[in-house]
Amino acid sequence: FARVKVPRLFPRLVALPDGRRFVPVEEVIAAQLHQLFVGMVVEEHCC
């Protein structure tokens, strides 16, 4: 079990490169969990 705390100064939505679409910051973090927990198996996540 792990908890990733996101500082409040981070925007809730992150702009995609086209500048017209946005994704929630938790989706960005979820997509990179393998880089946060190198050598571990991420079995599931929730927001």
PDB file of N, CA and C in Angstrom:
ATOM      1  N   PHE A   1       0.840  -1.174   0.000  1.00  0.00           N
ATOM      2  CA  PHE A   1       0.000   0.000   0.000  1.00  0.00           C
ATOM      3  C   PHE A   1       0.885   1.236   0.000  1.00  0.00           C
ATOM      4  N   ALA A   2       0.544   2.211  -0.822  1.00  0.00           N
ATOM      5  CA  ALA A   2       1.277   3.478  -0.855  1.00  0.00           C
ATOM      6  C   ALA A   2       0.295   4.608  -1.128  1.00  0.00           C
ATOM      7  N   ARG A   3       0.656   5.762  -0.669  1.00  0.00           N
ATOM      8  CA  ARG A   3      -0.167   6.949  -0.899  1.00  0.00           C
ATOM      9  C   ARG A   3       0.727   8.008  -1.526  1.00  0.00           C
ATOM     10  N   VAL A   4       0.267   8.590  -2.616  1.00  0.00           N
ATOM     11  CA  VAL A   4       1.014   9.655  -3.281  1.00  0.00           C
ATOM     12  C   VAL A   4       0.268  10.958  -3.013  1.00  0.00           C
ATOM     13  N   LYS A   5       0.888  11.826  -2.249  1.00  0.00           N
ATOM     14  CA  LYS A   5       0.263  13.111  -1.936  1.00  0.00           C
ATOM     15  C   LYS A   5       0.685  14.144  -2.979  1.00  0.00           C
ATOM     16  N   VAL A   6      -0.288  14.869  -3.483  1.00  0.00           N
ATOM     17  CA  VAL A   6      -0.034  15.898  -4.490  1.00  0.00           C
ATOM     18  C   VAL A   6      -0.196  17.265  -3.827  1.00  0.00           C
ATOM     19  N   PRO A   7       0.826  18.097  -3.897  1.00  0.00           N
ATOM     20  CA  PRO A   7       0.705  19.430  -3.297  1.00  0.00           C
ATOM     21  C   PRO A   7      -0.463  20.213  -3.901  1.00  0.00           C
ATOM     22  N   ARG A   8      -1.108  21.003  -3.087  1.00  0.00           N
ATOM     23  CA  ARG A   8      -2.265  21.781  -3.546  1.00  0.00           C
ATOM     24  C   ARG A   8      -1.912  22.792  -4.638  1.00  0.00           C
ATOM     25  N   LEU A   9      -0.646  23.139  -4.765  1.00  0.00           N
ATOM     26  CA  LEU A   9      -0.276  24.116  -5.787  1.00  0.00           C
ATOM     27  C   LEU A   9      -0.331  23.538  -7.201  1.00  0.00           C
ATOM     28  N   PHE A  10      -0.411  22.214  -7.326  1.00  0.00           N
ATOM     29  CA  PHE A  10      -0.552  21.597  -8.642  1.00  0.00           C
ATOM     30  C   PHE A  10      -1.956  21.856  -9.170  1.00  0.00           C
ATOM     31  N   PRO A  11      -2.075  22.158 -10.456  1.00  0.00           N
ATOM     32  CA  PRO A  11      -3.418  22.372 -11.011  1.00  0.00           C
ATOM     33  C   PRO A  11      -4.204  21.061 -11.035  1.00  0.00           C
ATOM     34  N   ARG A  12      -5.493  21.140 -10.864  1.00  0.00           N
ATOM     35  CA  ARG A  12      -6.364  19.954 -10.880  1.00  0.00           C
ATOM     36  C   ARG A  12      -6.376  19.312 -12.261  1.00  0.00           C
ATOM     37  N   LEU A  13      -6.329  20.140 -13.297  1.00  0.00           N
ATOM     38  CA  LEU A  13      -6.328  19.649 -14.674  1.00  0.00           C
ATOM     39  C   LEU A  13      -5.011  20.022 -15.347  1.00  0.00           C
ATOM     40  N   VAL A  14      -4.504  19.092 -16.155  1.00  0.00           N
ATOM     41  CA  VAL A  14      -3.243  19.294 -16.869  1.00  0.00           C
ATOM     42  C   VAL A  14      -3.557  19.402 -18.356  1.00  0.00           C
ATOM     43  N   ALA A  15      -3.060  20.465 -18.986  1.00  0.00           N
ATOM     44  CA  ALA A  15      -3.307  20.669 -20.413  1.00  0.00           C
ATOM     45  C   ALA A  15      -2.490  19.676 -21.237  1.00  0.00           C
ATOM     46  N   LEU A  16      -3.122  19.112 -22.252  1.00  0.00           N
ATOM     47  CA  LEU A  16      -2.415  18.262 -23.203  1.00  0.00           C
ATOM     48  C   LEU A  16      -1.659  19.162 -24.174  1.00  0.00           C
ATOM     49  N   PRO A  17      -0.710  18.612 -24.921  1.00  0.00           N
ATOM     50  CA  PRO A  17       0.111  19.446 -25.807  1.00  0.00           C
ATOM     51  C   PRO A  17      -0.676  20.320 -26.787  1.00  0.00           C
ATOM     52  N   ASP A  18      -1.872  19.895 -27.181  1.00  0.00           N
ATOM     53  CA  ASP A  18      -2.636  20.718 -28.129  1.00  0.00           C
ATOM     54  C   ASP A  18      -3.217  21.967 -27.466  1.00  0.00           C
ATOM     55  N   GLY A  19      -3.179  22.022 -26.128  1.00  0.00           N
ATOM     56  CA  GLY A  19      -3.658  23.190 -25.404  1.00  0.00           C
ATOM     57  C   GLY A  19      -5.163  23.334 -25.336  1.00  0.00           C
ATOM     58  N   ARG A  20      -5.892  22.409 -25.949  1.00  0.00           N
ATOM     59  CA  ARG A  20      -7.357  22.496 -25.967  1.00  0.00           C
ATOM     60  C   ARG A  20      -8.026  21.426 -25.127  1.00  0.00           C
ATOM     61  N   ARG A  21      -7.259  20.400 -24.757  1.00  0.00           N
ATOM     62  CA  ARG A  21      -7.818  19.307 -23.956  1.00  0.00           C
ATOM     63  C   ARG A  21      -7.055  19.196 -22.651  1.00  0.00           C
ATOM     64  N   PHE A  22      -7.756  18.685 -21.651  1.00  0.00           N
ATOM     65  CA  PHE A  22      -7.180  18.581 -20.317  1.00  0.00           C
ATOM     66  C   PHE A  22      -7.472  17.210 -19.730  1.00  0.00           C
ATOM     67  N   VAL A  23      -6.583  16.755 -18.851  1.00  0.00           N
ATOM     68  CA  VAL A  23      -6.805  15.504 -18.124  1.00  0.00           C
ATOM     69  C   VAL A  23      -6.589  15.784 -16.640  1.00  0.00           C
ATOM     70  N   PRO A  24      -7.279  15.049 -15.783  1.00  0.00           N
ATOM     71  CA  PRO A  24      -7.072  15.226 -14.343  1.00  0.00           C
ATOM     72  C   PRO A  24      -5.645  14.834 -13.954  1.00  0.00           C
ATOM     73  N   VAL A  25      -5.082  15.552 -13.006  1.00  0.00           N
ATOM     74  CA  VAL A  25      -3.708  15.292 -12.574  1.00  0.00           C
ATOM     75  C   VAL A  25      -3.553  13.857 -12.067  1.00  0.00           C
ATOM     76  N   GLU A  26      -4.596  13.277 -11.475  1.00  0.00           N
ATOM     77  CA  GLU A  26      -4.471  11.902 -10.979  1.00  0.00           C
ATOM     78  C   GLU A  26      -4.297  10.894 -12.111  1.00  0.00           C
ATOM     79  N   GLU A  27      -4.829  11.199 -13.298  1.00  0.00           N
ATOM     80  CA  GLU A  27      -4.612  10.306 -14.444  1.00  0.00           C
ATOM     81  C   GLU A  27      -3.158  10.375 -14.907  1.00  0.00           C
ATOM     82  N   VAL A  28      -2.582  11.561 -14.859  1.00  0.00           N
ATOM     83  CA  VAL A  28      -1.173  11.722 -15.233  1.00  0.00           C
ATOM     84  C   VAL A  28      -0.295  10.932 -14.261  1.00  0.00           C
ATOM     85  N   ILE A  29      -0.578  11.059 -12.980  1.00  0.00           N
ATOM     86  CA  ILE A  29       0.195  10.338 -11.969  1.00  0.00           C
ATOM     87  C   ILE A  29       0.007   8.832 -12.127  1.00  0.00           C
ATOM     88  N   ALA A  30      -1.229   8.392 -12.325  1.00  0.00           N
ATOM     89  CA  ALA A  30      -1.507   6.960 -12.472  1.00  0.00           C
ATOM     90  C   ALA A  30      -0.739   6.370 -13.658  1.00  0.00           C
ATOM     91  N   ALA A  31      -0.612   7.142 -14.724  1.00  0.00           N
ATOM     92  CA  ALA A  31       0.098   6.655 -15.910  1.00  0.00           C
ATOM     93  C   ALA A  31       1.605   6.531 -15.673  1.00  0.00           C
ATOM     94  N   GLN A  32       2.114   7.170 -14.615  1.00  0.00           N
ATOM     95  CA  GLN A  32       3.551   7.159 -14.339  1.00  0.00           C
ATOM     96  C   GLN A  32       3.915   6.415 -13.059  1.00  0.00           C
ATOM     97  N   LEU A  33       3.002   5.669 -12.492  1.00  0.00           N
ATOM     98  CA  LEU A  33       3.277   4.968 -11.237  1.00  0.00           C
ATOM     99  C   LEU A  33       4.468   4.025 -11.342  1.00  0.00           C
ATOM    100  N   HIS A  34       4.670   3.434 -12.512  1.00  0.00           N
ATOM    101  CA  HIS A  34       5.814   2.531 -12.687  1.00  0.00           C
ATOM    102  C   HIS A  34       7.141   3.264 -12.503  1.00  0.00           C
ATOM    103  N   GLN A  35       7.175   4.575 -12.751  1.00  0.00           N
ATOM    104  CA  GLN A  35       8.401   5.350 -12.551  1.00  0.00           C
ATOM    105  C   GLN A  35       8.564   5.770 -11.095  1.00  0.00           C
ATOM    106  N   LEU A  36       7.467   5.895 -10.377  1.00  0.00           N
ATOM    107  CA  LEU A  36       7.540   6.233  -8.954  1.00  0.00           C
ATOM    108  C   LEU A  36       7.935   5.024  -8.113  1.00  0.00           C
ATOM    109  N   PHE A  37       7.500   3.844  -8.536  1.00  0.00           N
ATOM    110  CA  PHE A  37       7.732   2.621  -7.771  1.00  0.00           C
ATOM    111  C   PHE A  37       8.533   1.624  -8.603  1.00  0.00           C
ATOM    112  N   VAL A  38       9.739   2.024  -8.951  1.00  0.00           N
ATOM    113  CA  VAL A  38      10.623   1.212  -9.794  1.00  0.00           C
ATOM    114  C   VAL A  38      10.918  -0.122  -9.105  1.00  0.00           C
ATOM    115  N   GLY A  39      10.805  -1.194  -9.866  1.00  0.00           N
ATOM    116  CA  GLY A  39      11.102  -2.524  -9.348  1.00  0.00           C
ATOM    117  C   GLY A  39       9.955  -3.158  -8.585  1.00  0.00           C
ATOM    118  N   MET A  40       8.842  -2.467  -8.501  1.00  0.00           N
ATOM    119  CA  MET A  40       7.681  -2.999  -7.787  1.00  0.00           C
ATOM    120  C   MET A  40       6.550  -3.232  -8.784  1.00  0.00           C
ATOM    121  N   VAL A  41       5.622  -4.078  -8.413  1.00  0.00           N
ATOM    122  CA  VAL A  41       4.453  -4.344  -9.247  1.00  0.00           C
ATOM    123  C   VAL A  41       3.294  -3.515  -8.722  1.00  0.00           C
ATOM    124  N   VAL A  42       2.763  -2.646  -9.570  1.00  0.00           N
ATOM    125  CA  VAL A  42       1.581  -1.864  -9.206  1.00  0.00           C
ATOM    126  C   VAL A  42       0.375  -2.693  -9.621  1.00  0.00           C
ATOM    127  N   GLU A  43      -0.325  -3.232  -8.646  1.00  0.00           N
ATOM    128  CA  GLU A  43      -1.449  -4.118  -8.936  1.00  0.00           C
ATOM    129  C   GLU A  43      -2.719  -3.353  -9.265  1.00  0.00           C
ATOM    130  N   GLU A  44      -2.929  -2.237  -8.611  1.00  0.00           N
ATOM    131  CA  GLU A  44      -4.100  -1.416  -8.897  1.00  0.00           C
ATOM    132  C   GLU A  44      -3.886  -0.035  -8.302  1.00  0.00           C
ATOM    133  N   HIS A  45      -4.752   0.878  -8.681  1.00  0.00           N
ATOM    134  CA  HIS A  45      -4.704   2.232  -8.125  1.00  0.00           C
ATOM    135  C   HIS A  45      -6.113   2.799  -8.116  1.00  0.00           C
ATOM    136  N   CYS A  46      -6.299   3.784  -7.309  1.00  0.00           N
ATOM    137  CA  CYS A  46      -7.582   4.493  -7.281  1.00  0.00           C
ATOM    138  C   CYS A  46      -7.309   5.947  -6.930  1.00  0.00           C
ATOM    139  N   CYS A  47      -8.277   6.753  -7.195  1.00  0.00           N
ATOM    140  CA  CYS A  47      -8.103   8.196  -6.947  1.00  0.00           C
ATOM    141  C   CYS A  47      -9.090   8.683  -5.910  1.00  0.00           C
TER     142      CYS A  47
END
